[in-house]
Amino acid sequence: MEELFEKLSIRDNIVNIKQLGISWVDKALEGELTYTKPGSISHLLYGEKPSEQSINIKMGRLGEFLAKELIKTTNNLELLNCGVQKLNCGVQKINNKKKDVDLIFKDEYKKIIYYRELKGNIELDTEKIPATIIKCKEIENSLKITYIDYTINCGILNWSVYNRKILTVGLSNIKSFEHEGIKIDHMEDFLNIIDVVWNEDDYYSYFKEIGIKIRKKFE
């Protein structure tokens, strides 16, 4: 009976998070959007319409929102301050730079600090890869100073795929990161870390539903 209640609770959590995600999308689409302009092929073929690129940029934050909400459903993990901040989390300046830190959370029982940069698109421009590697390592080193009693687990979360099996592009980028000691997680890896169950078929169906919702809004 206890196991049944636990399964129902997990399912309810996912249902709730999915609805929160839908509300987040609705709110994001209420904001100002960029429209296609004369001088582009898109405008030539289809006329003025919301730029898919601008919508996709907005949706890039959806993965961050969902990841944080998933973490909140767990009892053994704690979200730490994220967003734009000094690299040192208030302890030590590193070249006096501010960085937009996507996701940091703590497992107090295992004494692990998890830091993840979130990427919806793993196909980064080649020139962006070294900068991203430097950013990850700077933040990782800062966290090591701040949380000296913890293991720092640093990586990138490519949340637009459930696992790597279906990837045919971006694999060389993944190798570049992993060669530098920066792991690349996908959603299945992240769910295993936080010990939350959300099956692959339902995960993809959810985002297809969001895609249909967005297209209908601008038809």
Protein backbone atom coordinates (compact mmCIF):
# COMPACT_ATOMS: atom_id res chain seq x y z
CA MET A 1 0.00 0.00 0.00
CA GLU A 2 2.82 2.40 0.89
CA GLU A 3 4.49 1.70 -2.47
CA LEU A 4 1.21 2.46 -4.27
CA PHE A 5 0.87 5.81 -2.51
CA GLU A 6 4.47 6.63 -3.41
CA LYS A 7 3.83 5.89 -7.10
CA LEU A 8 0.67 8.02 -7.04
CA SER A 9 2.57 10.86 -5.40
CA ILE A 10 5.31 10.74 -8.05
CA ARG A 11 2.71 10.74 -10.83
CA ASP A 12 0.86 13.66 -9.23
CA ASN A 13 4.11 15.61 -8.95
CA ILE A 14 4.84 15.18 -12.66
CA VAL A 15 1.27 16.14 -13.61
CA ASN A 16 1.57 19.26 -11.48
CA ILE A 17 4.98 20.19 -12.91
CA LYS A 18 3.70 19.73 -16.46
CA GLN A 19 0.84 22.11 -15.74
CA LEU A 20 3.22 24.64 -14.20
CA GLY A 21 5.28 24.38 -17.38
CA ILE A 22 2.21 25.08 -19.54
CA SER A 23 1.44 28.16 -17.42
CA TRP A 24 5.06 29.28 -17.79
CA VAL A 25 4.79 28.97 -21.59
CA ASP A 26 1.52 30.94 -21.65
CA LYS A 27 3.11 33.75 -19.67
CA ALA A 28 6.26 33.75 -21.81
CA LEU A 29 4.20 34.06 -24.99
CA GLU A 30 2.32 37.05 -23.57
CA GLY A 31 5.54 39.06 -23.65
CA GLU A 32 6.90 40.98 -26.60
CA LEU A 33 7.84 38.80 -29.57
CA THR A 34 10.06 39.54 -32.54
CA TYR A 35 8.33 39.32 -35.92
CA THR A 36 9.92 38.45 -39.23
CA LYS A 37 10.93 41.52 -41.25
CA PRO A 38 11.29 42.33 -44.95
CA GLY A 39 14.72 41.24 -46.12
CA SER A 40 14.44 37.69 -44.79
CA ILE A 41 13.48 34.53 -46.69
CA SER A 42 10.90 33.76 -44.00
CA HIS A 43 9.15 37.09 -44.56
CA LEU A 44 9.36 36.62 -48.33
CA LEU A 45 7.69 33.19 -48.18
CA TYR A 46 5.23 33.59 -45.32
CA GLY A 47 4.88 37.31 -44.65
CA GLU A 48 5.05 38.84 -41.19
CA LYS A 49 4.78 36.25 -38.43
CA PRO A 50 6.35 35.64 -35.02
CA SER A 51 9.97 34.64 -35.48
CA GLU A 52 10.46 30.99 -34.56
CA GLN A 53 13.98 31.85 -33.48
CA SER A 54 12.71 34.42 -30.98
CA ILE A 55 10.15 31.93 -29.64
CA ASN A 56 12.81 29.23 -29.30
CA ILE A 57 15.06 31.63 -27.38
CA LYS A 58 12.22 32.25 -24.93
CA MET A 59 11.55 28.52 -24.65
CA GLY A 60 15.21 27.95 -23.81
CA ARG A 61 14.39 29.02 -20.25
CA LEU A 62 11.62 26.43 -19.96
CA GLY A 63 14.13 23.64 -19.30
CA GLU A 64 15.62 25.63 -16.44
CA PHE A 65 12.18 26.24 -14.94
CA LEU A 66 11.18 22.57 -15.15
CA ALA A 67 14.50 21.36 -13.73
CA LYS A 68 14.07 23.58 -10.68
CA GLU A 69 10.47 22.49 -10.16
CA LEU A 70 11.52 18.83 -10.37
CA ILE A 71 14.19 19.39 -7.73
CA LYS A 72 11.61 21.01 -5.44
CA THR A 73 9.62 17.75 -5.39
CA THR A 74 12.48 15.88 -3.71
CA ASN A 75 13.15 15.75 0.01
CA ASN A 76 16.92 15.30 -0.07
CA LEU A 77 17.91 18.10 -2.47
CA GLU A 78 18.10 21.85 -1.99
CA LEU A 79 18.17 24.51 -4.69
CA LEU A 80 20.93 27.06 -4.20
CA ASN A 81 21.10 30.62 -5.49
CA CYS A 82 21.30 30.74 -9.27
CA GLY A 83 20.95 33.47 -11.85
CA VAL A 84 23.32 36.34 -12.49
CA GLN A 85 25.80 36.54 -9.64
CA LYS A 86 29.45 36.90 -8.78
CA LEU A 87 31.21 33.66 -9.61
CA ASN A 88 32.14 33.07 -6.00
CA CYS A 89 28.56 33.07 -4.62
CA GLY A 90 29.66 35.92 -2.37
CA VAL A 91 32.93 34.45 -1.11
CA GLN A 92 35.70 35.30 -3.56
CA LYS A 93 35.87 37.44 -6.69
CA ILE A 94 37.21 35.87 -9.87
CA ASN A 95 38.27 38.63 -12.23
CA ASN A 96 35.29 40.57 -10.85
CA LYS A 97 33.05 38.92 -13.44
CA LYS A 98 29.33 38.21 -13.24
CA LYS A 99 27.99 35.01 -14.73
CA ASP A 100 24.48 33.74 -15.38
CA VAL A 101 24.51 30.47 -13.44
CA ASP A 102 21.66 28.22 -14.56
CA LEU A 103 21.33 25.55 -11.89
CA ILE A 104 23.03 24.74 -8.59
CA PHE A 105 21.60 22.29 -6.08
CA LYS A 106 22.85 20.44 -3.03
CA ASP A 107 22.57 16.88 -1.77
CA GLU A 108 23.34 17.32 1.91
CA TYR A 109 23.28 13.60 2.66
CA LYS A 110 25.87 12.74 -0.02
CA LYS A 111 27.72 16.06 0.44
CA ILE A 112 27.54 16.87 -3.27
CA ILE A 113 27.02 20.24 -4.93
CA TYR A 114 25.63 19.84 -8.45
CA TYR A 115 26.24 22.65 -10.93
CA ARG A 116 24.67 22.46 -14.38
CA GLU A 117 24.62 24.80 -17.33
CA LEU A 118 21.44 24.10 -19.29
CA LYS A 119 21.54 23.84 -23.07
CA GLY A 120 18.47 23.17 -25.16
CA ASN A 121 20.64 23.10 -28.27
CA ILE A 122 23.87 21.12 -27.91
CA GLU A 123 24.94 22.29 -31.39
CA LEU A 124 26.83 25.32 -30.09
CA ASP A 125 28.75 27.51 -32.49
CA THR A 126 32.36 26.32 -32.50
CA GLU A 127 33.61 29.62 -31.09
CA LYS A 128 31.22 29.35 -28.11
CA ILE A 129 32.59 26.02 -26.89
CA PRO A 130 35.87 27.32 -25.38
CA ALA A 131 34.03 30.18 -23.64
CA THR A 132 31.49 27.75 -22.17
CA ILE A 133 34.25 25.43 -20.96
CA ILE A 134 36.06 28.34 -19.30
CA LYS A 135 32.83 29.51 -17.65
CA CYS A 136 32.06 26.04 -16.27
CA LYS A 137 35.56 25.60 -14.87
CA GLU A 138 35.60 29.06 -13.28
CA ILE A 139 32.30 28.41 -11.53
CA GLU A 140 33.39 24.90 -10.53
CA ASN A 141 36.58 26.29 -8.97
CA SER A 142 34.61 28.97 -7.16
CA LEU A 143 32.22 26.37 -5.74
CA LYS A 144 35.18 24.29 -4.55
CA ILE A 145 36.34 27.28 -2.51
CA THR A 146 32.87 28.03 -1.16
CA TYR A 147 31.89 24.44 -0.34
CA ILE A 148 35.16 22.92 0.81
CA ASP A 149 33.47 19.96 2.51
CA TYR A 150 31.52 18.96 -0.59
CA THR A 151 32.24 17.18 -3.86
CA ILE A 152 31.53 19.50 -6.78
CA ASN A 153 29.73 17.77 -9.63
CA CYS A 154 29.94 20.04 -12.68
CA GLY A 155 28.42 19.55 -16.11
CA ILE A 156 26.01 20.60 -18.83
CA LEU A 157 22.39 19.47 -19.00
CA ASN A 158 21.18 19.07 -22.59
CA TRP A 159 17.49 18.83 -21.70
CA SER A 160 16.04 18.76 -25.23
CA VAL A 161 16.75 15.04 -25.54
CA TYR A 162 15.87 12.32 -23.04
CA ASN A 163 19.05 10.39 -23.71
CA ARG A 164 21.91 10.34 -26.18
CA LYS A 165 20.69 7.39 -28.24
CA ILE A 166 18.81 9.52 -30.75
CA LEU A 167 21.51 12.17 -31.26
CA THR A 168 23.01 12.45 -34.72
CA VAL A 169 24.29 16.03 -34.41
CA GLY A 170 26.29 17.77 -31.73
CA LEU A 171 28.31 14.66 -30.89
CA SER A 172 31.61 16.37 -31.68
CA ASN A 173 30.66 19.18 -29.30
CA ILE A 174 29.91 16.65 -26.59
CA LYS A 175 33.34 15.08 -27.12
CA SER A 176 34.97 18.52 -26.84
CA PHE A 177 33.33 19.14 -23.47
CA GLU A 178 33.99 15.67 -22.11
CA HIS A 179 37.62 15.86 -23.25
CA GLU A 180 37.93 18.87 -20.93
CA GLY A 181 36.37 16.98 -18.04
CA ILE A 182 32.90 18.53 -18.32
CA LYS A 183 30.20 15.88 -18.41
CA ILE A 184 27.14 16.20 -20.63
CA ASP A 185 23.91 14.98 -19.07
CA HIS A 186 20.61 14.53 -20.83
CA MET A 187 17.21 14.48 -19.16
CA GLU A 188 17.35 10.82 -18.22
CA ASP A 189 20.69 11.36 -16.48
CA PHE A 190 19.32 14.36 -14.59
CA LEU A 191 16.21 12.47 -13.48
CA ASN A 192 18.42 9.65 -12.19
CA ILE A 193 20.49 12.15 -10.19
CA ILE A 194 17.45 13.68 -8.51
CA ASP A 195 15.68 10.29 -8.26
CA VAL A 196 12.51 11.35 -10.06
CA VAL A 197 10.58 9.15 -12.51
CA TRP A 198 9.35 10.71 -15.76
CA ASN A 199 9.25 8.23 -18.61
CA GLU A 200 10.67 8.96 -22.05
CA ASP A 201 7.46 8.70 -24.08
CA ASP A 202 5.57 11.04 -21.78
CA TYR A 203 8.47 13.50 -21.72
CA TYR A 204 8.54 13.84 -25.50
CA SER A 205 4.73 13.88 -25.76
CA TYR A 206 4.63 16.78 -23.33
CA PHE A 207 6.92 18.95 -25.42
CA LYS A 208 5.12 18.01 -28.64
CA GLU A 209 1.94 19.22 -26.91
CA ILE A 210 3.65 22.51 -26.11
CA GLY A 211 4.84 22.84 -29.71
CA ILE A 212 1.30 22.31 -31.03
CA LYS A 213 0.00 24.87 -28.53
CA ILE A 214 2.51 27.47 -29.72
CA ARG A 215 1.76 26.88 -33.41
CA LYS A 216 -2.00 27.15 -32.87
CA LYS A 217 -1.57 30.41 -30.99
CA PHE A 218 0.03 32.07 -33.99
CA GLU A 219 -1.95 30.51 -36.83
